[in-house]
Amino acid sequence: MISPHDQMVRRDWLQVSAAGVLGSALPLASNTTSAASSTTGRAKSVLIVHLSGGPSQLDMLDPKPDAPAEIRGEFSPIETAVPGVQVCEHLPRLAQQLKHWSVLRSLAHLEHNHLLATHVALTGRPTPIPRGGSDLDRVESRNDFPNFAGALSYVRPRSDGVPTGVSLPNYFIEGPLTWPGQHAGFLGPKHDPWQINHDPNDPNFRMDSLSLQPGITSPRLLSRRGLLETVNRSPLSLDAKGRANSFAEQQGLAFSLLTSDRVAQAFDIQREEAPVRDRYGRNKFGQSLLLARRLLQAAVPIVQAAMGIVQTWDTHVDNWGALKNRLLPQLDQGLAALMDDLSSTGLLDQTLVLVMGEFGRTPRISTLPGQTVSGRDHWAHMYSALVAGAGVRGGQVVGQSDANAAYPVSRPWSPADVCTTLFNALGVDHNAVLMDPLQRPNHLLNGEVIAPLYSGRVG
């Protein structure tokens, strides 16, 4: 039997799915409130801090100290700088900086599979399943809906040498599985974000692809481009022409980036002084956040920084050990340094920051067969996120969960609403559409703006 909470979440998700997929060619009425409307277009950039694997809401942002032992877990809550709001004891810096953040405690959808949920989280759309296919082995495909950076590249193409999107520090691949939601999907490679697959904490980190070879100056490179364009205009078969056009688009992006000093300098993380690098943490995640900040300063519109490899936060086993000893300290240190820099430079006023995973963890603690150390399993019915910047009101909680952090007791917000909020912040037209390969229009903003982030009213 489906619980009332499940029915509420399912109803909301089905409504979003109908608007975003089945009814994507139909006009959508704007539900943006005046508070959200006043901040439309305020963001020049978006930073997505993706916690792949699904972080636990109970052990981070929505502690339940009065819940039974088999639910509340091993950590204790601490008070924050915002009266009445608590977070996990292993997030002390966040607790002191909560005036900058909105804690979103009522995110929900219905996908408990990592691959499907990642596509949902990074596109705002359900993952398309091929006829006869299984949702258990659904991997990345050019039939996928574009991720945020790919979609923005389509509606706002640019040729100034600054990429629309950059993802770092690694692509989400595990064995034969490649996570969907990481590229521009059906829009094609032209709109893919730049993918960085190198640890910024490595002393040898450098972007060779953004460095001209010795003896190659910018004027000489431009002359070579002219020669290459002449070759590309040679007669070709229709099939070969299609492949050449795709390759030529990639060549054009490469030339733009190679002649962009601003982007090349942003990737030169060695320019940062040692104390600054220390503040972020001398680890892969901390230095990825520092590099992300440099890319924001170079006016890259969408930057995605992941923590670790794919499923880093998938804590079926040793949930509390992994969180206490590695994940939460690195997250707490990196976000604190990032927030210090964004707020002190004024960049926070024009940058929307989202910290989220693809779902949360089960309220009830469990132990996998063959294991002796407990953890939590996948849970998409209710999870938490952090949001800051670009007009978002800090120092508040948006949404409310039940006594076990299992289901929302206030209005649930979906990944489609996150998608709409993100693009509304960037000033994208509410009626913007993406044309798929069959020339069918798909509304980009397929949910509602999460207005309480801006108004401070309970949502």
Protein backbone atom coordinates (compact mmCIF):
# COMPACT_ATOMS: atom_id res chain seq x y z
CA MET A 1 0.00 0.00 0.00
CA ILE A 2 1.27 3.47 -0.88
CA SER A 3 1.47 5.80 2.11
CA PRO A 4 -0.11 9.28 2.04
CA HIS A 5 3.40 10.72 1.91
CA ASP A 6 4.26 8.53 -1.12
CA GLN A 7 1.03 9.61 -2.79
CA MET A 8 1.90 13.28 -2.27
CA VAL A 9 5.42 12.89 -3.66
CA ARG A 10 4.23 10.70 -6.54
CA ARG A 11 1.47 13.16 -7.46
CA ASP A 12 3.90 16.07 -7.49
CA TRP A 13 6.50 14.13 -9.53
CA LEU A 14 3.91 12.93 -12.06
CA GLN A 15 2.72 16.50 -12.50
CA VAL A 16 6.29 17.61 -13.16
CA SER A 17 6.88 14.66 -15.51
CA ALA A 18 3.75 15.50 -17.48
CA ALA A 19 4.79 19.11 -17.85
CA GLY A 20 8.38 18.27 -18.64
CA VAL A 21 8.02 15.30 -20.97
CA LEU A 22 4.52 14.34 -22.06
CA GLY A 23 3.35 17.93 -22.31
CA SER A 24 6.65 19.50 -23.23
CA ALA A 25 5.26 21.08 -26.38
CA LEU A 26 2.49 22.85 -24.48
CA PRO A 27 2.84 26.37 -23.05
CA LEU A 28 3.50 26.46 -19.32
CA ALA A 29 2.02 29.10 -17.08
CA SER A 30 4.53 31.02 -15.00
CA ASN A 31 4.28 30.33 -11.26
CA THR A 32 7.08 32.68 -10.35
CA THR A 33 6.20 34.81 -7.34
CA SER A 34 7.12 38.46 -7.05
CA ALA A 35 10.06 37.63 -4.77
CA ALA A 36 11.56 35.26 -7.33
CA SER A 37 10.69 37.55 -10.23
CA SER A 38 12.68 40.35 -8.66
CA THR A 39 15.81 38.19 -8.81
CA THR A 40 15.30 36.86 -12.33
CA GLY A 41 18.53 37.23 -14.25
CA ARG A 42 20.53 38.25 -11.20
CA ALA A 43 22.93 35.32 -11.56
CA LYS A 44 25.74 35.51 -14.08
CA SER A 45 26.98 32.05 -13.15
CA VAL A 46 25.86 28.86 -11.42
CA LEU A 47 28.07 26.53 -9.40
CA ILE A 48 26.73 23.00 -8.92
CA VAL A 49 28.56 21.10 -6.19
CA HIS A 50 27.45 17.56 -6.96
CA LEU A 51 27.73 14.95 -4.19
CA SER A 52 27.53 11.81 -6.29
CA GLY A 53 26.09 8.75 -4.58
CA GLY A 54 23.48 10.41 -2.40
CA PRO A 55 24.45 12.09 0.90
CA SER A 56 22.44 11.33 4.03
CA GLN A 57 19.98 14.04 5.01
CA LEU A 58 19.79 12.77 8.61
CA ASP A 59 23.56 12.79 9.09
CA MET A 60 24.14 16.23 7.56
CA LEU A 61 21.47 18.88 7.11
CA ASP A 62 18.31 17.46 8.69
CA PRO A 63 19.28 15.73 11.95
CA LYS A 64 16.60 14.04 14.02
CA PRO A 65 18.02 13.67 17.55
CA ASP A 66 14.66 12.60 19.00
CA ALA A 67 14.15 9.76 16.52
CA PRO A 68 14.70 6.12 17.58
CA ALA A 69 18.31 4.91 17.63
CA GLU A 70 17.84 2.82 14.48
CA ILE A 71 16.99 6.03 12.62
CA ARG A 72 18.86 8.96 14.18
CA GLY A 73 22.33 7.47 13.64
CA GLU A 74 25.61 8.04 15.49
CA PHE A 75 26.06 11.81 15.14
CA SER A 76 24.82 14.61 17.36
CA PRO A 77 23.44 17.92 16.05
CA ILE A 78 24.99 21.30 16.81
CA GLU A 79 23.44 24.74 16.89
CA THR A 80 24.17 27.10 14.03
CA ALA A 81 24.46 30.87 13.73
CA VAL A 82 20.74 30.80 12.84
CA PRO A 83 18.65 30.32 16.01
CA GLY A 84 16.67 27.09 16.02
CA VAL A 85 18.49 25.51 13.07
CA GLN A 86 20.80 22.55 13.66
CA VAL A 87 23.21 20.63 11.45
CA CYS A 88 25.55 17.69 11.97
CA GLU A 89 28.35 18.10 14.53
CA HIS A 90 30.93 17.43 11.80
CA LEU A 91 29.93 20.57 9.86
CA PRO A 92 31.10 23.27 12.31
CA ARG A 93 32.18 25.78 9.65
CA LEU A 94 28.89 25.46 7.82
CA ALA A 95 27.09 25.98 11.12
CA GLN A 96 28.84 29.33 11.55
CA GLN A 97 28.28 30.40 7.94
CA LEU A 98 24.64 29.38 7.69
CA LYS A 99 23.63 33.03 7.34
CA HIS A 100 24.72 32.70 3.70
CA TRP A 101 22.83 29.46 2.99
CA SER A 102 19.26 28.31 2.57
CA VAL A 103 18.82 24.70 3.69
CA LEU A 104 16.35 23.01 1.36
CA ARG A 105 14.87 20.07 3.26
CA SER A 106 12.04 18.86 1.04
CA LEU A 107 13.53 17.75 -2.27
CA ALA A 108 11.88 14.60 -3.62
CA HIS A 109 11.52 12.42 -6.70
CA LEU A 110 10.91 8.72 -7.41
CA GLU A 111 14.17 7.38 -8.83
CA HIS A 112 16.21 5.27 -6.41
CA ASN A 113 18.69 4.05 -9.04
CA HIS A 114 21.96 6.01 -9.21
CA LEU A 115 22.08 6.35 -12.98
CA LEU A 116 18.44 7.33 -13.44
CA ALA A 117 18.52 9.68 -10.45
CA THR A 118 21.68 11.41 -11.69
CA HIS A 119 20.01 12.18 -15.02
CA VAL A 120 17.00 13.53 -13.13
CA ALA A 121 19.17 15.68 -10.85
CA LEU A 122 21.36 17.15 -13.60
CA THR A 123 18.68 17.70 -16.25
CA GLY A 124 15.41 18.10 -14.34
CA ARG A 125 13.91 15.34 -16.52
CA PRO A 126 13.14 11.63 -16.10
CA THR A 127 15.62 9.41 -17.88
CA PRO A 128 14.36 8.09 -21.22
CA ILE A 129 14.27 4.28 -21.21
CA PRO A 130 14.58 2.55 -24.63
CA ARG A 131 11.72 0.25 -25.53
CA GLY A 132 12.50 -3.16 -24.12
CA GLY A 133 15.36 -1.74 -22.05
CA SER A 134 15.90 -2.03 -18.32
CA ASP A 135 16.21 0.90 -15.98
CA LEU A 136 18.90 -1.06 -14.13
CA ASP A 137 21.43 -0.78 -16.95
CA ARG A 138 20.41 2.60 -18.35
CA VAL A 139 23.61 4.41 -19.29
CA GLU A 140 24.55 7.66 -20.99
CA SER A 141 23.04 8.16 -24.43
CA ARG A 142 22.64 10.88 -27.05
CA ASN A 143 18.90 10.40 -26.50
CA ASP A 144 19.28 11.91 -23.03
CA PHE A 145 17.89 15.32 -22.18
CA PRO A 146 20.68 17.93 -22.10
CA ASN A 147 22.27 18.76 -18.78
CA PHE A 148 22.13 22.33 -17.53
CA ALA A 149 25.30 23.50 -19.27
CA GLY A 150 24.35 21.84 -22.55
CA ALA A 151 20.90 23.42 -22.51
CA LEU A 152 22.29 26.88 -21.73
CA SER A 153 24.80 26.54 -24.57
CA TYR A 154 21.87 25.89 -26.92
CA VAL A 155 19.71 28.82 -25.85
CA ARG A 156 22.69 31.17 -25.39
CA PRO A 157 25.41 30.22 -27.87
CA ARG A 158 28.67 32.10 -27.49
CA SER A 159 31.92 32.46 -29.42
CA ASP A 160 34.06 34.59 -27.11
CA GLY A 161 36.41 31.80 -26.08
CA VAL A 162 34.68 31.17 -22.74
CA PRO A 163 32.98 27.75 -22.51
CA THR A 164 29.35 27.73 -21.36
CA GLY A 165 30.04 24.88 -18.98
CA VAL A 166 32.95 23.12 -17.30
CA SER A 167 32.68 19.91 -15.24
CA LEU A 168 35.44 18.64 -12.98
CA PRO A 169 37.41 16.77 -11.75
CA ASN A 170 36.28 13.53 -13.42
CA TYR A 171 33.64 11.94 -15.61
CA PHE A 172 31.24 9.59 -13.83
CA ILE A 173 32.16 6.16 -15.16
CA GLU A 174 32.27 2.84 -13.30
CA GLY A 175 33.24 -0.24 -15.29
CA PRO A 176 30.83 -0.55 -18.23
CA LEU A 177 28.47 2.10 -16.81
CA THR A 178 28.60 5.75 -17.81
CA TRP A 179 26.26 7.97 -15.81
CA PRO A 180 23.65 9.85 -17.91
CA GLY A 181 23.11 13.58 -17.47
CA GLN A 182 26.73 14.59 -18.01
CA HIS A 183 26.54 16.07 -21.51
CA ALA A 184 24.26 17.86 -23.96
CA GLY A 185 22.32 14.73 -24.89
CA PHE A 186 20.23 15.08 -28.03
CA LEU A 187 21.62 18.57 -28.70
CA GLY A 188 24.91 17.00 -29.77
CA PRO A 189 28.61 17.37 -28.88
CA LYS A 190 28.66 21.02 -29.96
CA HIS A 191 26.91 21.93 -26.72
CA ASP A 192 28.73 19.56 -24.35
CA PRO A 193 30.38 21.17 -21.33
CA TRP A 194 34.13 20.98 -21.08
CA GLN A 195 35.07 17.94 -19.04
CA ILE A 196 38.20 18.02 -16.88
CA ASN A 197 39.59 14.60 -15.94
CA HIS A 198 42.58 15.54 -13.83
CA ASP A 199 43.01 16.10 -10.12
CA PRO A 200 43.64 19.85 -9.47
CA ASN A 201 45.50 18.81 -6.32
CA ASP A 202 48.11 17.04 -8.44
CA PRO A 203 51.32 19.14 -8.53
CA ASN A 204 51.50 18.38 -12.26
CA PHE A 205 47.97 19.61 -12.95
CA ARG A 206 47.86 21.77 -16.07
CA MET A 207 45.56 22.14 -19.04
CA ASP A 208 47.77 21.15 -21.98
CA SER A 209 44.80 21.58 -24.31
CA LEU A 210 44.71 25.26 -23.40
CA SER A 211 48.40 25.88 -24.01
CA LEU A 212 49.89 26.73 -27.41
CA GLN A 213 52.90 24.70 -28.44
CA PRO A 214 56.26 26.53 -28.51
CA GLY A 215 56.54 28.69 -31.62
CA ILE A 216 52.77 28.83 -32.19
CA THR A 217 51.51 32.37 -31.61
CA SER A 218 47.88 33.47 -31.66
CA PRO A 219 48.21 35.13 -35.14
CA ARG A 220 49.82 31.98 -36.52
CA LEU A 221 47.05 29.87 -35.00
CA LEU A 222 44.40 32.07 -36.61
CA SER A 223 46.08 31.72 -40.01
CA ARG A 224 46.01 27.95 -39.59
CA ARG A 225 42.33 28.17 -38.79
CA GLY A 226 41.70 29.94 -42.08
CA LEU A 227 43.47 27.17 -43.95
CA LEU A 228 41.49 24.53 -42.07
CA GLU A 229 38.18 26.25 -42.89
CA THR A 230 39.11 26.17 -46.57
CA VAL A 231 39.70 22.43 -46.34
CA ASN A 232 36.41 21.93 -44.47
CA ARG A 233 34.50 23.57 -47.35
CA SER A 234 35.60 20.84 -49.76
CA PRO A 235 32.78 18.71 -51.26
CA LEU A 236 31.81 15.70 -49.11
CA SER A 237 29.12 13.05 -49.08
CA LEU A 238 26.09 13.80 -46.91
CA ASP A 239 27.10 11.33 -44.20
CA ALA A 240 30.72 12.47 -44.21
CA LYS A 241 29.61 16.09 -44.20
CA GLY A 242 27.56 15.48 -41.05
CA ARG A 243 30.55 13.98 -39.24
CA ALA A 244 32.80 16.77 -40.50
CA ASN A 245 30.38 19.44 -39.31
CA SER A 246 30.39 17.96 -35.80
CA PHE A 247 34.19 17.81 -35.83
CA ALA A 248 34.39 21.36 -37.18
CA GLU A 249 32.23 22.57 -34.31
CA GLN A 250 34.70 21.03 -31.85
CA GLN A 251 37.59 22.60 -33.78
CA GLY A 252 35.93 26.00 -33.53
CA LEU A 253 35.56 25.67 -29.77
CA ALA A 254 39.18 24.56 -29.44
CA PHE A 255 40.44 27.56 -31.42
CA SER A 256 38.34 29.94 -29.32
CA LEU A 257 39.67 28.48 -26.09
CA LEU A 258 43.28 28.49 -27.27
CA THR A 259 43.09 32.19 -28.03
CA SER A 260 41.35 33.05 -24.73
CA ASP A 261 43.90 34.17 -22.15
CA ARG A 262 41.16 34.55 -19.55
CA VAL A 263 40.23 30.87 -19.62
CA ALA A 264 43.83 29.64 -19.79
CA GLN A 265 44.74 31.73 -16.74
CA ALA A 266 41.73 30.44 -14.82
CA PHE A 267 42.98 26.87 -15.22
CA ASP A 268 46.43 27.85 -13.98
CA ILE A 269 45.68 27.02 -10.37
CA GLN A 270 49.39 27.27 -9.55
CA ARG A 271 48.89 31.06 -9.59
CA GLU A 272 47.08 30.81 -6.25
CA GLU A 273 49.21 31.45 -3.18
CA ALA A 274 49.88 28.51 -0.88
CA PRO A 275 47.78 29.85 2.06
CA VAL A 276 44.74 30.15 -0.23
CA ARG A 277 45.16 26.59 -1.46
CA ASP A 278 45.56 25.43 2.12
CA ARG A 279 42.27 27.08 3.13
CA TYR A 280 40.36 24.99 0.58
CA GLY A 281 42.10 21.79 1.66
CA ARG A 282 44.95 20.02 -0.07
CA ASN A 283 42.72 17.32 -1.48
CA LYS A 284 40.95 16.63 -4.75
CA PHE A 285 37.65 18.16 -3.67
CA GLY A 286 39.09 21.26 -2.02
CA GLN A 287 41.23 22.11 -5.01
CA SER A 288 38.32 21.39 -7.36
CA LEU A 289 36.28 24.02 -5.51
CA LEU A 290 39.18 26.46 -5.77
CA LEU A 291 39.44 25.82 -9.50
CA ALA A 292 35.67 26.23 -9.78
CA ARG A 293 35.94 29.64 -8.10
CA ARG A 294 38.62 30.67 -10.62
CA LEU A 295 36.36 29.58 -13.49
CA LEU A 296 33.50 31.64 -12.05
CA GLN A 297 35.83 34.63 -11.96
CA ALA A 298 36.58 33.97 -15.64
CA ALA A 299 32.81 34.28 -16.30
CA VAL A 300 32.10 30.61 -17.09
CA PRO A 301 28.28 30.48 -16.72
CA ILE A 302 27.89 26.93 -15.36
CA VAL A 303 30.56 25.08 -13.39
CA GLN A 304 30.02 21.65 -11.88
CA ALA A 305 32.44 20.41 -9.22
CA ALA A 306 32.02 16.87 -7.94
CA MET A 307 33.42 15.42 -4.75
CA GLY A 308 35.55 12.38 -5.44
CA ILE A 309 34.61 9.73 -7.96
CA VAL A 310 31.19 8.43 -8.90
CA GLN A 311 29.12 7.21 -5.90
CA THR A 312 31.53 8.66 -3.34
CA TRP A 313 28.56 9.35 -1.05
CA ASP A 314 26.99 5.90 -1.55
CA THR A 315 27.39 4.86 2.08
CA HIS A 316 25.68 1.47 2.29
CA VAL A 317 28.63 0.38 4.44
CA ASP A 318 30.35 2.40 7.19
CA ASN A 319 28.15 5.45 6.67
CA TRP A 320 29.36 7.22 9.83
CA GLY A 321 33.02 6.34 9.47
CA ALA A 322 33.17 7.61 5.88
CA LEU A 323 31.31 10.78 6.76
CA LYS A 324 33.23 11.56 9.96
CA ASN A 325 36.74 10.74 8.79
CA ARG A 326 36.76 12.06 5.24
CA LEU A 327 33.64 13.31 3.51
CA LEU A 328 32.21 15.84 5.95
CA PRO A 329 35.54 17.43 6.99
CA GLN A 330 36.53 17.96 3.35
CA LEU A 331 33.10 19.29 2.43
CA ASP A 332 33.00 21.60 5.45
CA GLN A 333 36.46 23.04 4.81
CA GLY A 334 36.03 23.46 1.06
CA LEU A 335 32.61 25.11 1.25
CA ALA A 336 33.77 27.46 4.01
CA ALA A 337 36.72 28.68 1.94
CA LEU A 338 34.53 29.02 -1.13
CA MET A 339 31.91 31.03 0.74
CA ASP A 340 34.56 33.28 2.30
CA ASP A 341 35.94 34.11 -1.15
CA LEU A 342 32.59 34.52 -2.91
CA SER A 343 31.14 36.76 -0.21
CA SER A 344 34.26 38.89 0.31
CA THR A 345 34.68 39.61 -3.41
CA GLY A 346 31.01 40.29 -4.14
CA LEU A 347 30.89 37.29 -6.47
CA LEU A 348 28.20 35.68 -4.32
CA ASP A 349 25.71 38.36 -5.40
CA GLN A 350 25.93 37.12 -8.99
CA THR A 351 26.55 33.40 -8.45
CA LEU A 352 23.90 30.80 -7.59
CA VAL A 353 25.48 27.95 -5.64
CA LEU A 354 23.75 24.54 -5.37
CA VAL A 355 25.11 21.72 -3.19
CA MET A 356 23.19 18.50 -3.78
CA GLY A 357 23.29 14.80 -4.59
CA GLU A 358 20.99 12.72 -6.76
CA PHE A 359 18.97 11.58 -3.71
CA GLY A 360 19.32 10.96 0.03
CA ARG A 361 19.65 7.92 2.30
CA THR A 362 17.12 5.70 4.03
CA PRO A 363 15.98 6.79 7.46
CA ARG A 364 16.32 3.27 8.83
CA ILE A 365 19.85 1.96 9.34
CA SER A 366 20.66 -1.36 7.69
CA THR A 367 23.53 -3.81 7.25
CA LEU A 368 24.17 -5.41 3.88
CA PRO A 369 24.53 -9.20 3.69
CA GLY A 370 28.11 -10.21 4.40
CA GLN A 371 28.92 -6.86 6.03
CA THR A 372 29.41 -6.06 9.71
CA VAL A 373 29.42 -2.25 9.52
CA SER A 374 26.04 -0.57 9.00
CA GLY A 375 24.99 2.17 6.64
CA ARG A 376 22.02 3.62 4.84
CA ASP A 377 20.53 2.72 1.46
CA HIS A 378 19.14 4.85 -1.40
CA TRP A 379 16.20 7.16 -0.67
CA ALA A 380 14.68 9.63 -3.14
CA HIS A 381 11.42 10.33 -1.30
CA MET A 382 13.06 13.12 0.74
CA TYR A 383 16.52 14.66 0.72
CA SER A 384 18.29 17.94 1.43
CA ALA A 385 20.41 20.50 -0.40
CA LEU A 386 22.14 23.83 0.20
CA VAL A 387 21.43 26.92 -1.91
CA ALA A 388 23.08 30.34 -1.75
CA GLY A 389 23.78 33.50 -3.71
CA ALA A 390 22.21 35.58 -6.48
CA GLY A 391 19.35 36.84 -4.34
CA VAL A 392 18.70 33.65 -2.35
CA ARG A 393 17.86 34.53 1.23
CA GLY A 394 20.43 33.00 3.59
CA GLY A 395 19.93 31.84 7.14
CA GLN A 396 16.72 29.93 6.60
CA VAL A 397 15.23 26.47 6.16
CA VAL A 398 12.96 25.84 3.18
CA GLY A 399 10.67 22.83 3.46
CA GLN A 400 10.05 20.49 6.34
CA SER A 401 10.42 16.74 6.74
CA ASP A 402 8.60 14.36 9.07
CA ALA A 403 9.99 13.11 12.39
CA ASN A 404 12.25 10.57 10.65
CA ALA A 405 13.38 12.71 7.67
CA ALA A 406 11.61 10.18 5.46
CA TYR A 407 8.96 12.27 3.68
CA PRO A 408 8.16 15.96 3.25
CA VAL A 409 5.36 17.31 5.38
CA SER A 410 5.45 20.58 3.45
CA ARG A 411 5.33 21.01 -0.32
CA PRO A 412 7.94 18.72 -1.97
CA TRP A 413 10.25 20.34 -4.51
CA SER A 414 11.46 18.33 -7.49
CA PRO A 415 14.59 18.38 -9.68
CA ALA A 416 12.40 20.04 -12.31
CA ASP A 417 11.86 22.90 -9.87
CA VAL A 418 15.62 23.09 -9.27
CA CYS A 419 16.10 23.28 -13.06
CA THR A 420 13.57 26.08 -13.40
CA THR A 421 15.02 27.98 -10.45
CA LEU A 422 18.51 27.73 -11.94
CA PHE A 423 17.55 29.03 -15.37
CA ASN A 424 15.25 31.69 -13.92
CA ALA A 425 18.22 32.96 -11.90
CA LEU A 426 20.25 33.16 -15.11
CA GLY A 427 17.47 35.14 -16.80
CA VAL A 428 16.57 32.50 -19.38
CA ASP A 429 13.20 33.17 -21.02
CA HIS A 430 10.49 31.19 -19.25
CA ASN A 431 9.22 30.02 -22.65
CA ALA A 432 12.61 28.84 -23.93
CA VAL A 433 12.43 25.57 -25.84
CA LEU A 434 14.93 22.96 -26.98
CA MET A 435 14.36 21.23 -30.31
CA ASP A 436 15.09 17.52 -30.30
CA PRO A 437 16.32 15.60 -33.40
CA LEU A 438 12.69 15.11 -34.51
CA GLN A 439 12.16 18.88 -34.26
CA ARG A 440 9.81 18.55 -31.32
CA PRO A 441 9.90 21.50 -28.88
CA ASN A 442 10.76 20.73 -25.26
CA HIS A 443 10.23 23.42 -22.65
CA LEU A 444 13.45 24.04 -20.78
CA LEU A 445 11.84 25.49 -17.66
CA ASN A 446 9.53 22.58 -16.83
CA GLY A 447 8.86 23.16 -13.15
CA GLU A 448 8.31 26.06 -10.76
CA VAL A 449 10.74 28.54 -9.29
CA ILE A 450 11.41 27.59 -5.65
CA ALA A 451 10.10 30.95 -4.52
CA PRO A 452 10.62 30.47 -0.73
CA LEU A 453 14.38 30.52 -1.37
CA TYR A 454 13.93 34.21 -2.11
CA SER A 455 10.94 35.21 -0.03
CA GLY A 456 11.76 33.51 3.25
CA ARG A 457 8.23 32.09 3.45
CA VAL A 458 7.85 28.41 4.30
CA GLY A 459 7.62 26.28 1.15
